[in-house]
Amino acid sequence: MVELNRILYVEDEPDIRAVAKLALEMVGGFTLEVCSSGQEALDKALGFAPQLILLDVMMPGMDGPATLAALRELPELAAVPVIFMTAKVQPGEVAHYKELGAVDVIPKPFDPMTLSDALRKIWERCHG
């Protein structure tokens, strides 16, 4: 199985972005491309070639589901697993995100010390 390394992380909230970046780079040892909007993710995704996309749901302008739909239109990214991060984690909401094509949903607030392990478990499940 290929080891997870390159994560495209999309989050509009600077404080959450900073905590997750620290958690994923320092604790997890991942290589991150951090984007503050869906449009920035679209601009940077192909050049970065992510193995996994971590995507906030609620963002101004292009929200998470719209960003996911736009990323899926790029053939190079069509098969890249996407995980949504959101505070909206009612069973119906989670089911909806999975219908949109997300492989999983990580609830906010997340634990910075376990975030990397959670991503690795999802990665292994996708590639198991």
N, C-alpha and C. Protein backbone atom coordinates (compact mmCIF):
# COMPACT_ATOMS: atom_id res chain seq x y z
N MET A 1 0.84 -1.19 0.00
CA MET A 1 0.00 0.00 0.00
C MET A 1 0.88 1.25 0.00
N VAL A 2 0.50 2.22 -0.78
CA VAL A 2 1.22 3.49 -0.85
C VAL A 2 1.01 4.26 0.46
N GLU A 3 2.08 4.80 1.01
CA GLU A 3 1.96 5.58 2.24
C GLU A 3 1.41 6.96 1.94
N LEU A 4 0.49 7.41 2.78
CA LEU A 4 -0.09 8.73 2.63
C LEU A 4 0.93 9.79 3.00
N ASN A 5 1.12 10.79 2.13
CA ASN A 5 2.05 11.87 2.42
C ASN A 5 1.48 13.23 2.04
N ARG A 6 0.94 13.35 0.82
CA ARG A 6 0.56 14.66 0.28
C ARG A 6 -0.94 14.93 0.45
N ILE A 7 -1.24 15.94 1.26
CA ILE A 7 -2.64 16.28 1.56
C ILE A 7 -2.93 17.72 1.14
N LEU A 8 -3.98 17.89 0.35
CA LEU A 8 -4.49 19.22 0.03
C LEU A 8 -5.53 19.54 1.11
N TYR A 9 -5.31 20.62 1.86
CA TYR A 9 -6.18 20.97 2.97
C TYR A 9 -6.85 22.31 2.69
N VAL A 10 -8.18 22.31 2.69
CA VAL A 10 -8.94 23.51 2.34
C VAL A 10 -9.81 23.92 3.53
N GLU A 11 -9.53 25.11 4.07
CA GLU A 11 -10.23 25.62 5.25
C GLU A 11 -10.16 27.14 5.24
N ASP A 12 -11.33 27.80 5.38
CA ASP A 12 -11.35 29.27 5.30
C ASP A 12 -11.05 29.95 6.63
N GLU A 13 -11.18 29.24 7.74
CA GLU A 13 -11.00 29.84 9.06
C GLU A 13 -9.52 29.78 9.49
N PRO A 14 -8.84 30.93 9.61
CA PRO A 14 -7.39 30.94 9.88
C PRO A 14 -6.96 30.18 11.13
N ASP A 15 -7.72 30.29 12.22
CA ASP A 15 -7.32 29.61 13.46
C ASP A 15 -7.37 28.09 13.30
N ILE A 16 -8.45 27.59 12.71
CA ILE A 16 -8.59 26.15 12.49
C ILE A 16 -7.49 25.68 11.53
N ARG A 17 -7.26 26.47 10.48
CA ARG A 17 -6.23 26.14 9.50
C ARG A 17 -4.87 26.00 10.17
N ALA A 18 -4.53 26.92 11.06
CA ALA A 18 -3.23 26.90 11.73
C ALA A 18 -3.08 25.67 12.61
N VAL A 19 -4.11 25.34 13.38
CA VAL A 19 -4.06 24.18 14.27
C VAL A 19 -3.93 22.88 13.45
N ALA A 20 -4.74 22.75 12.41
CA ALA A 20 -4.69 21.53 11.59
C ALA A 20 -3.35 21.41 10.87
N LYS A 21 -2.81 22.53 10.39
CA LYS A 21 -1.52 22.51 9.69
C LYS A 21 -0.43 22.01 10.64
N LEU A 22 -0.40 22.55 11.85
CA LEU A 22 0.57 22.09 12.85
C LEU A 22 0.39 20.61 13.15
N ALA A 23 -0.86 20.20 13.36
CA ALA A 23 -1.15 18.81 13.70
C ALA A 23 -0.71 17.86 12.59
N LEU A 24 -1.01 18.23 11.35
CA LEU A 24 -0.72 17.33 10.23
C LEU A 24 0.76 17.32 9.84
N GLU A 25 1.42 18.47 9.94
CA GLU A 25 2.84 18.53 9.58
C GLU A 25 3.74 18.06 10.71
N MET A 26 3.51 18.57 11.92
CA MET A 26 4.40 18.25 13.05
C MET A 26 4.11 16.88 13.65
N VAL A 27 2.83 16.61 13.93
CA VAL A 27 2.46 15.34 14.54
C VAL A 27 2.43 14.24 13.48
N GLY A 28 1.82 14.54 12.34
CA GLY A 28 1.62 13.51 11.33
C GLY A 28 2.76 13.33 10.35
N GLY A 29 3.58 14.38 10.18
CA GLY A 29 4.68 14.30 9.22
C GLY A 29 4.25 14.38 7.77
N PHE A 30 3.04 14.89 7.53
CA PHE A 30 2.53 14.99 6.16
C PHE A 30 3.09 16.22 5.44
N THR A 31 3.06 16.18 4.12
CA THR A 31 3.34 17.35 3.29
C THR A 31 2.00 17.96 2.94
N LEU A 32 1.82 19.23 3.27
CA LEU A 32 0.52 19.88 3.10
C LEU A 32 0.57 21.00 2.07
N GLU A 33 -0.50 21.12 1.30
CA GLU A 33 -0.76 22.33 0.52
C GLU A 33 -2.02 22.90 1.15
N VAL A 34 -1.89 24.07 1.78
CA VAL A 34 -3.01 24.65 2.52
C VAL A 34 -3.66 25.73 1.67
N CYS A 35 -4.98 25.64 1.54
CA CYS A 35 -5.75 26.61 0.75
C CYS A 35 -6.84 27.21 1.63
N SER A 36 -7.13 28.49 1.41
CA SER A 36 -8.14 29.16 2.24
C SER A 36 -9.49 29.27 1.55
N SER A 37 -9.61 28.74 0.32
CA SER A 37 -10.88 28.79 -0.40
C SER A 37 -10.96 27.67 -1.42
N GLY A 38 -12.19 27.41 -1.86
CA GLY A 38 -12.37 26.41 -2.90
C GLY A 38 -11.66 26.78 -4.19
N GLN A 39 -11.70 28.06 -4.56
CA GLN A 39 -11.05 28.51 -5.79
C GLN A 39 -9.53 28.32 -5.69
N GLU A 40 -8.96 28.64 -4.54
CA GLU A 40 -7.52 28.43 -4.36
C GLU A 40 -7.17 26.95 -4.47
N ALA A 41 -8.03 26.09 -3.94
CA ALA A 41 -7.81 24.64 -4.05
C ALA A 41 -7.80 24.22 -5.51
N LEU A 42 -8.74 24.74 -6.29
CA LEU A 42 -8.77 24.41 -7.72
C LEU A 42 -7.51 24.91 -8.43
N ASP A 43 -7.04 26.08 -8.03
CA ASP A 43 -5.85 26.66 -8.66
C ASP A 43 -4.59 25.86 -8.35
N LYS A 44 -4.51 25.30 -7.16
CA LYS A 44 -3.27 24.65 -6.70
C LYS A 44 -3.26 23.13 -6.80
N ALA A 45 -4.44 22.53 -6.88
CA ALA A 45 -4.55 21.07 -6.73
C ALA A 45 -3.73 20.30 -7.76
N LEU A 46 -3.84 20.62 -9.03
CA LEU A 46 -3.13 19.86 -10.05
C LEU A 46 -1.62 19.95 -9.88
N GLY A 47 -1.11 21.14 -9.58
CA GLY A 47 0.33 21.31 -9.41
C GLY A 47 0.86 20.57 -8.20
N PHE A 48 0.02 20.39 -7.18
CA PHE A 48 0.44 19.72 -5.95
C PHE A 48 0.27 18.21 -6.04
N ALA A 49 -0.66 17.74 -6.84
CA ALA A 49 -0.95 16.31 -7.01
C ALA A 49 -1.21 15.61 -5.66
N PRO A 50 -2.27 16.01 -4.95
CA PRO A 50 -2.54 15.43 -3.62
C PRO A 50 -2.93 13.96 -3.70
N GLN A 51 -2.62 13.23 -2.63
CA GLN A 51 -3.09 11.86 -2.49
C GLN A 51 -4.44 11.83 -1.77
N LEU A 52 -4.69 12.89 -1.00
CA LEU A 52 -5.90 12.98 -0.19
C LEU A 52 -6.29 14.46 -0.12
N ILE A 53 -7.59 14.72 -0.10
CA ILE A 53 -8.08 16.10 0.02
C ILE A 53 -8.93 16.20 1.27
N LEU A 54 -8.56 17.14 2.14
CA LEU A 54 -9.29 17.40 3.38
C LEU A 54 -10.01 18.73 3.18
N LEU A 55 -11.34 18.69 3.24
CA LEU A 55 -12.14 19.81 2.73
C LEU A 55 -13.17 20.29 3.75
N ASP A 56 -13.10 21.57 4.09
CA ASP A 56 -14.10 22.19 4.95
C ASP A 56 -15.43 22.24 4.18
N VAL A 57 -16.54 22.09 4.89
CA VAL A 57 -17.85 22.13 4.23
C VAL A 57 -18.34 23.57 4.08
N MET A 58 -18.34 24.32 5.18
CA MET A 58 -18.90 25.67 5.18
C MET A 58 -17.83 26.70 4.86
N MET A 59 -17.84 27.22 3.64
CA MET A 59 -16.89 28.25 3.23
C MET A 59 -17.65 29.28 2.41
N PRO A 60 -17.24 30.55 2.50
CA PRO A 60 -17.89 31.58 1.67
C PRO A 60 -17.55 31.35 0.20
N GLY A 61 -18.42 31.81 -0.68
CA GLY A 61 -18.17 31.62 -2.11
C GLY A 61 -18.45 30.18 -2.47
N MET A 62 -17.40 29.46 -2.81
CA MET A 62 -17.52 28.06 -3.20
C MET A 62 -17.41 27.19 -1.95
N ASP A 63 -18.50 26.56 -1.53
CA ASP A 63 -18.45 25.74 -0.32
C ASP A 63 -17.81 24.38 -0.61
N GLY A 64 -17.70 23.55 0.42
CA GLY A 64 -17.05 22.26 0.26
C GLY A 64 -17.66 21.38 -0.81
N PRO A 65 -18.99 21.17 -0.78
CA PRO A 65 -19.59 20.33 -1.83
C PRO A 65 -19.37 20.88 -3.24
N ALA A 66 -19.44 22.20 -3.42
CA ALA A 66 -19.19 22.79 -4.75
C ALA A 66 -17.72 22.61 -5.15
N THR A 67 -16.82 22.74 -4.19
CA THR A 67 -15.39 22.53 -4.46
C THR A 67 -15.14 21.08 -4.86
N LEU A 68 -15.75 20.15 -4.13
CA LEU A 68 -15.61 18.73 -4.46
C LEU A 68 -16.09 18.46 -5.88
N ALA A 69 -17.25 19.00 -6.24
CA ALA A 69 -17.79 18.79 -7.59
C ALA A 69 -16.82 19.33 -8.65
N ALA A 70 -16.24 20.50 -8.39
CA ALA A 70 -15.31 21.10 -9.35
C ALA A 70 -14.01 20.29 -9.45
N LEU A 71 -13.51 19.80 -8.33
CA LEU A 71 -12.29 18.98 -8.33
C LEU A 71 -12.52 17.67 -9.09
N ARG A 72 -13.72 17.10 -8.92
CA ARG A 72 -14.04 15.83 -9.59
C ARG A 72 -14.08 15.97 -11.12
N GLU A 73 -14.24 17.20 -11.62
CA GLU A 73 -14.25 17.41 -13.07
C GLU A 73 -12.85 17.36 -13.66
N LEU A 74 -11.82 17.40 -12.82
CA LEU A 74 -10.43 17.31 -13.29
C LEU A 74 -10.04 15.83 -13.29
N PRO A 75 -9.77 15.25 -14.48
CA PRO A 75 -9.50 13.80 -14.56
C PRO A 75 -8.40 13.33 -13.61
N GLU A 76 -7.37 14.16 -13.41
CA GLU A 76 -6.25 13.78 -12.56
C GLU A 76 -6.65 13.66 -11.09
N LEU A 77 -7.76 14.29 -10.71
CA LEU A 77 -8.18 14.29 -9.31
C LEU A 77 -9.46 13.51 -9.07
N ALA A 78 -10.00 12.93 -10.12
CA ALA A 78 -11.31 12.27 -10.02
C ALA A 78 -11.32 11.14 -9.01
N ALA A 79 -10.18 10.46 -8.82
CA ALA A 79 -10.14 9.30 -7.92
C ALA A 79 -9.49 9.61 -6.57
N VAL A 80 -9.08 10.85 -6.34
CA VAL A 80 -8.43 11.21 -5.08
C VAL A 80 -9.48 11.22 -3.95
N PRO A 81 -9.23 10.46 -2.87
CA PRO A 81 -10.22 10.44 -1.78
C PRO A 81 -10.37 11.82 -1.14
N VAL A 82 -11.62 12.17 -0.82
CA VAL A 82 -11.93 13.44 -0.18
C VAL A 82 -12.60 13.17 1.16
N ILE A 83 -12.12 13.88 2.19
CA ILE A 83 -12.71 13.80 3.52
C ILE A 83 -13.22 15.20 3.87
N PHE A 84 -14.49 15.29 4.24
CA PHE A 84 -15.03 16.57 4.69
C PHE A 84 -14.74 16.76 6.18
N MET A 85 -14.48 18.01 6.57
CA MET A 85 -14.38 18.38 7.99
C MET A 85 -15.48 19.38 8.27
N THR A 86 -16.32 19.07 9.27
CA THR A 86 -17.46 19.93 9.54
C THR A 86 -18.01 19.70 10.94
N ALA A 87 -18.68 20.71 11.46
CA ALA A 87 -19.40 20.55 12.72
C ALA A 87 -20.76 19.92 12.49
N LYS A 88 -21.20 19.88 11.23
CA LYS A 88 -22.53 19.32 10.89
C LYS A 88 -22.38 17.82 10.65
N VAL A 89 -22.53 17.04 11.71
CA VAL A 89 -22.28 15.61 11.61
C VAL A 89 -23.47 14.75 12.05
N GLN A 90 -24.68 15.27 11.85
CA GLN A 90 -25.86 14.44 12.08
C GLN A 90 -25.83 13.30 11.05
N PRO A 91 -26.38 12.12 11.39
CA PRO A 91 -26.31 10.99 10.45
C PRO A 91 -26.78 11.32 9.03
N GLY A 92 -27.87 12.11 8.92
CA GLY A 92 -28.37 12.48 7.60
C GLY A 92 -27.39 13.35 6.84
N GLU A 93 -26.71 14.24 7.56
CA GLU A 93 -25.72 15.12 6.93
C GLU A 93 -24.51 14.31 6.46
N VAL A 94 -24.03 13.41 7.32
CA VAL A 94 -22.88 12.56 6.95
C VAL A 94 -23.23 11.71 5.73
N ALA A 95 -24.43 11.14 5.72
CA ALA A 95 -24.87 10.33 4.57
C ALA A 95 -24.89 11.18 3.30
N HIS A 96 -25.34 12.43 3.41
CA HIS A 96 -25.37 13.33 2.26
C HIS A 96 -23.96 13.59 1.73
N TYR A 97 -23.01 13.86 2.62
CA TYR A 97 -21.62 14.11 2.19
C TYR A 97 -21.04 12.89 1.48
N LYS A 98 -21.39 11.71 1.97
CA LYS A 98 -20.88 10.48 1.33
C LYS A 98 -21.54 10.28 -0.04
N GLU A 99 -22.81 10.66 -0.15
CA GLU A 99 -23.48 10.60 -1.46
C GLU A 99 -22.79 11.52 -2.46
N LEU A 100 -22.26 12.66 -1.97
CA LEU A 100 -21.56 13.60 -2.84
C LEU A 100 -20.19 13.07 -3.28
N GLY A 101 -19.71 12.03 -2.59
CA GLY A 101 -18.45 11.42 -2.99
C GLY A 101 -17.36 11.45 -1.93
N ALA A 102 -17.65 11.96 -0.74
CA ALA A 102 -16.65 11.94 0.33
C ALA A 102 -16.48 10.51 0.84
N VAL A 103 -15.23 10.14 1.18
CA VAL A 103 -15.00 8.81 1.74
C VAL A 103 -15.29 8.77 3.23
N ASP A 104 -15.24 9.96 3.88
CA ASP A 104 -15.54 10.01 5.30
C ASP A 104 -15.74 11.46 5.73
N VAL A 105 -16.12 11.65 7.00
CA VAL A 105 -16.34 12.97 7.57
C VAL A 105 -15.64 13.02 8.93
N ILE A 106 -14.83 14.05 9.14
CA ILE A 106 -14.18 14.25 10.43
C ILE A 106 -14.90 15.41 11.12
N PRO A 107 -15.40 15.16 12.34
CA PRO A 107 -16.15 16.21 13.02
C PRO A 107 -15.25 17.33 13.57
N LYS A 108 -15.78 18.54 13.53
CA LYS A 108 -15.15 19.68 14.19
C LYS A 108 -15.91 19.93 15.48
N PRO A 109 -15.25 20.33 16.55
CA PRO A 109 -13.80 20.49 16.62
C PRO A 109 -13.10 19.13 16.63
N PHE A 110 -11.92 19.06 16.03
CA PHE A 110 -11.15 17.83 15.98
C PHE A 110 -10.05 17.88 17.04
N ASP A 111 -9.50 16.72 17.38
CA ASP A 111 -8.39 16.64 18.32
C ASP A 111 -7.09 16.69 17.50
N PRO A 112 -6.28 17.75 17.66
CA PRO A 112 -5.06 17.87 16.87
C PRO A 112 -4.10 16.68 17.05
N MET A 113 -4.14 16.06 18.23
CA MET A 113 -3.21 14.96 18.49
C MET A 113 -3.63 13.66 17.81
N THR A 114 -4.91 13.53 17.45
CA THR A 114 -5.36 12.28 16.82
C THR A 114 -5.77 12.47 15.36
N LEU A 115 -5.72 13.71 14.85
CA LEU A 115 -6.16 13.99 13.49
C LEU A 115 -5.37 13.18 12.46
N SER A 116 -4.06 13.15 12.58
CA SER A 116 -3.22 12.42 11.61
C SER A 116 -3.54 10.93 11.61
N ASP A 117 -3.72 10.35 12.81
CA ASP A 117 -4.06 8.93 12.90
C ASP A 117 -5.41 8.65 12.26
N ALA A 118 -6.36 9.56 12.46
CA ALA A 118 -7.69 9.39 11.86
C ALA A 118 -7.58 9.38 10.34
N LEU A 119 -6.77 10.30 9.79
CA LEU A 119 -6.60 10.34 8.33
C LEU A 119 -5.93 9.07 7.83
N ARG A 120 -4.92 8.58 8.55
CA ARG A 120 -4.24 7.34 8.12
C ARG A 120 -5.19 6.15 8.13
N LYS A 121 -6.06 6.06 9.14
CA LYS A 121 -7.03 4.95 9.20
C LYS A 121 -7.98 5.00 8.01
N ILE A 122 -8.47 6.19 7.69
CA ILE A 122 -9.36 6.34 6.53
C ILE A 122 -8.61 5.98 5.25
N TRP A 123 -7.36 6.45 5.12
CA TRP A 123 -6.52 6.14 3.96
C TRP A 123 -6.36 4.63 3.80
N GLU A 124 -6.05 3.94 4.90
CA GLU A 124 -5.87 2.48 4.85
C GLU A 124 -7.17 1.78 4.46
N ARG A 125 -8.29 2.30 4.96
CA ARG A 125 -9.58 1.71 4.59
C ARG A 125 -9.85 1.88 3.10
N CYS A 126 -9.47 3.03 2.53
CA CYS A 126 -9.67 3.28 1.11
C CYS A 126 -8.75 2.42 0.23
N HIS A 127 -7.60 2.03 0.77
CA HIS A 127 -6.60 1.31 -0.02
C HIS A 127 -6.36 -0.12 0.49
N GLY A 128 -7.26 -0.57 1.38
CA GLY A 128 -7.05 -1.87 2.01
C GLY A 128 -7.39 -3.04 1.13
